[in-house]
Protein backbone atom coordinates (compact mmCIF):
# COMPACT_ATOMS: atom_id res chain seq x y z
CA MET A 1 -59.79 -35.26 -45.35
CA SER A 2 -59.45 -31.87 -43.96
CA ALA A 3 -56.61 -29.55 -44.79
CA ARG A 4 -54.39 -28.24 -42.00
CA VAL A 5 -53.78 -24.55 -41.90
CA LEU A 6 -50.34 -23.49 -40.67
CA HIS A 7 -50.14 -20.47 -38.43
CA PRO A 8 -47.01 -18.47 -39.27
CA THR A 9 -47.22 -16.50 -35.99
CA ARG A 10 -46.34 -19.46 -33.78
CA GLY A 11 -42.72 -20.25 -32.79
CA SER A 12 -39.64 -18.38 -33.96
CA SER A 13 -37.92 -18.36 -37.24
CA LEU A 14 -34.24 -18.69 -37.99
CA MET A 15 -34.13 -15.02 -38.88
CA GLU A 16 -35.37 -14.00 -35.43
CA ALA A 17 -32.72 -16.17 -33.77
CA VAL A 18 -29.96 -14.60 -35.87
CA VAL A 19 -31.16 -11.08 -35.01
CA ALA A 20 -31.30 -11.94 -31.28
CA ALA A 21 -27.78 -13.41 -31.38
CA GLY A 22 -26.50 -10.29 -33.15
CA LEU A 23 -28.08 -8.02 -30.55
CA LEU A 24 -26.58 -10.10 -27.73
CA ALA A 25 -23.13 -9.98 -29.32
CA THR A 26 -23.38 -6.20 -29.72
CA VAL A 27 -24.40 -5.67 -26.09
CA LEU A 28 -21.67 -7.97 -24.76
CA THR A 29 -19.07 -6.24 -26.92
CA ALA A 30 -20.10 -2.89 -25.45
CA ILE A 31 -20.04 -4.15 -21.85
CA LEU A 32 -16.75 -6.09 -21.96
CA PRO A 33 -14.43 -3.01 -21.92
CA LEU A 34 -16.36 -1.63 -18.94
CA VAL A 35 -15.92 -4.87 -16.99
CA THR A 36 -12.22 -5.03 -17.86
CA ALA A 37 -11.63 -1.44 -16.77
CA SER A 38 -13.53 -2.02 -13.56
CA VAL A 39 -11.50 -5.12 -12.65
CA SER A 40 -8.14 -3.47 -13.38
CA GLY A 41 -9.16 -0.30 -11.53
CA THR A 42 -10.21 -2.30 -8.49
CA ALA A 43 -6.88 -4.16 -8.42
CA ALA A 44 -4.91 -0.90 -8.63
CA LEU A 45 -7.06 0.70 -5.93
CA ARG A 46 -6.47 -2.30 -3.66
CA GLY A 47 -2.73 -1.89 -4.17
CA ASP A 48 -2.88 1.83 -3.44
CA LEU A 49 -4.91 1.23 -0.27
CA MET A 50 -2.44 -1.43 0.87
CA ALA A 51 0.47 0.99 0.33
CA ALA A 52 -1.32 3.67 2.38
CA HIS A 53 -1.99 1.15 5.15
CA LEU A 54 1.65 0.02 5.21
CA ALA A 55 2.83 3.65 5.46
CA ARG A 56 0.49 4.36 8.38
CA GLN A 57 1.55 1.10 10.02
CA ARG A 58 5.25 2.06 10.01
CA LEU A 59 4.38 5.55 11.27
CA ALA A 60 2.52 3.93 14.19
CA HIS A 61 5.58 1.75 14.90
CA LEU A 62 7.79 4.84 14.98
CA GLN A 63 5.35 6.68 17.23
CA ALA A 64 5.35 3.73 19.66
CA LEU A 65 9.09 4.08 20.32
CA THR A 66 10.14 5.71 23.60
CA HIS A 67 10.38 9.48 23.49
CA VAL A 68 9.82 10.88 26.97
CA ARG A 69 10.85 13.97 28.91
CA THR A 70 12.06 13.39 32.46
CA PRO A 71 13.45 15.84 35.03
CA ALA A 72 16.91 14.59 34.02
CA GLY A 73 16.32 15.27 30.32
CA VAL A 74 14.77 13.66 27.26
CA LEU A 75 14.98 9.90 26.80
CA ILE A 76 14.72 8.80 23.19
CA ASP A 77 14.87 5.26 21.84
CA GLN A 78 18.13 4.87 19.94
CA MET A 79 18.29 1.06 19.91
CA SER A 80 15.14 -0.34 18.26
CA ARG A 81 15.35 -1.92 14.86
CA LEU A 82 12.31 -1.70 12.59
CA ASP A 83 13.65 -3.35 9.43
CA ASP A 84 13.37 -6.84 10.92
CA ALA A 85 10.61 -9.48 10.95
CA SER A 86 9.80 -8.46 14.54
CA PRO A 87 8.47 -4.91 14.51
CA PHE A 88 10.66 -3.94 17.50
CA GLY A 89 13.99 -5.72 17.23
CA VAL A 90 17.24 -4.67 18.90
CA GLY A 91 20.30 -3.21 17.23
CA GLY A 92 18.89 -0.42 15.11
CA PRO A 93 18.76 3.36 15.12
CA GLY A 94 15.39 3.77 16.90
CA LEU A 95 14.42 7.44 16.71
CA THR A 96 17.93 8.66 15.89
CA ALA A 97 17.78 11.45 13.34
CA SER A 98 18.59 10.15 9.85
CA GLY A 99 18.12 13.15 7.62
CA LEU A 100 16.38 12.76 4.25
CA GLY A 101 18.93 10.29 2.86
CA PRO A 102 16.91 7.12 3.62
CA LEU A 103 13.94 8.51 1.67
CA GLN A 104 16.07 9.33 -1.36
CA ALA A 105 17.93 6.01 -1.57
CA SER A 106 17.42 2.72 0.25
CA ALA A 107 19.72 2.55 3.26
CA PRO A 108 20.23 -0.44 5.55
CA LEU A 109 18.15 -0.20 8.76
CA TRP A 110 15.81 2.34 7.11
CA VAL A 111 14.05 0.15 4.50
CA ASP A 112 12.07 -3.06 4.42
CA TRP A 113 10.29 -5.06 1.73
CA LEU A 114 6.74 -6.42 1.89
CA ASP A 115 4.68 -8.81 -0.21
CA ALA A 116 1.31 -8.08 -1.84
CA HIS A 117 -0.49 -8.79 1.45
CA GLY A 118 1.82 -6.61 3.56
CA ALA A 119 3.82 -9.50 5.06
CA TRP A 120 7.45 -8.69 5.81
CA GLN A 121 9.86 -10.18 3.23
CA GLY A 122 13.21 -8.75 4.28
CA GLY A 123 15.34 -5.72 5.04
CA GLY A 124 18.38 -4.31 3.31
CA THR A 125 18.81 -2.54 0.02
CA VAL A 126 18.09 -5.45 -2.37
CA PRO A 127 14.45 -6.49 -2.79
CA PRO A 128 13.60 -10.16 -2.16
CA ALA A 129 11.95 -12.07 -5.01
CA ARG A 130 8.44 -11.93 -3.50
CA ALA A 131 8.58 -8.24 -2.54
CA ARG A 132 5.81 -6.05 -3.97
CA TYR A 133 6.29 -2.93 -1.83
CA ARG A 134 9.35 -0.96 -0.70
CA ARG A 135 8.90 0.88 2.59
CA ARG A 136 11.44 3.54 3.62
CA TRP A 137 11.38 5.90 6.58
CA ALA A 138 13.38 8.82 7.90
CA ILE A 139 13.57 10.80 11.11
CA LEU A 140 14.39 14.49 11.11
CA ALA A 141 15.38 16.49 14.15
CA SER A 142 13.23 19.59 14.35
CA GLY A 143 15.57 21.76 16.35
CA GLN A 144 15.76 22.81 19.96
CA ASP A 145 12.34 21.58 21.06
CA THR A 146 13.49 17.89 21.00
CA CYS A 147 10.59 16.98 18.74
CA VAL A 148 11.27 14.77 15.72
CA ARG A 149 9.55 14.65 12.34
CA LEU A 150 8.70 11.17 11.11
CA TRP A 151 8.37 10.39 7.39
CA VAL A 152 7.37 7.10 5.76
CA GLU A 153 7.20 6.31 2.04
CA VAL A 154 5.75 3.13 0.51
CA VAL A 155 6.26 2.47 -3.20
CA PRO A 156 4.62 -0.35 -5.19
CA LEU A 157 7.21 -2.35 -7.12
CA GLY A 158 5.14 -3.00 -10.21
CA PRO A 159 2.13 -1.70 -12.09
CA SER A 160 0.17 -4.83 -11.18
CA VAL A 161 0.32 -3.87 -7.48
CA GLY A 162 -0.67 -0.21 -7.52
CA HIS A 163 0.13 3.10 -9.11
CA ARG A 164 0.95 5.65 -6.46
CA THR A 165 3.54 6.21 -3.77
CA SER A 166 1.95 6.52 -0.34
CA LEU A 167 3.34 8.88 2.26
CA ALA A 168 2.72 9.25 5.97
CA GLY A 169 4.25 11.77 8.30
CA GLY A 170 3.99 13.14 11.78
CA ILE A 171 5.70 15.12 14.49
CA GLN A 172 6.52 13.43 17.75
CA CYS A 173 7.42 15.43 20.82
CA PRO A 174 8.50 13.94 24.13
CA TRP A 175 5.77 13.45 26.67
CA GLY A 176 6.05 13.53 30.43
CA ALA A 177 7.35 15.93 33.07
CA THR A 178 8.83 19.25 32.00
CA PRO A 179 12.39 20.07 33.12
């Protein structure tokens, strides 16, 4: 009979497996906080970008309202309602100057509420249950030149949606023939 010689270099031992598992656990423990921070940062950034988009969207709605100079004078929309499901409803203030009040406190006809995807949820001063953003706007008369200043503010309603208030603003002057 011949004796078999065992080769200790073949295969892996239990000690090698334990060391490998320990190294893997250490690496995963170091990476996990980075992944968590990345996911939460991405969610907050998405919310901030949505708020900025919603502010620019309302500014575009305001800029689309009639504001034209004719030989007879300046025509300005004073009837459109923007706090409704339809972006251009009837029965609102249009481009009537509001002062800064609607930006400082929610005022009917100057605020609406949107969900996490930007879908309209309601108007008025009380947020609906599914609302994740509050959008307020104001129109300021700029004096004798018949231009108006437009201001929009969008605020996330919870830390899970975003962190920052988004603002949009512009000046709108009447277009058309000069008197």
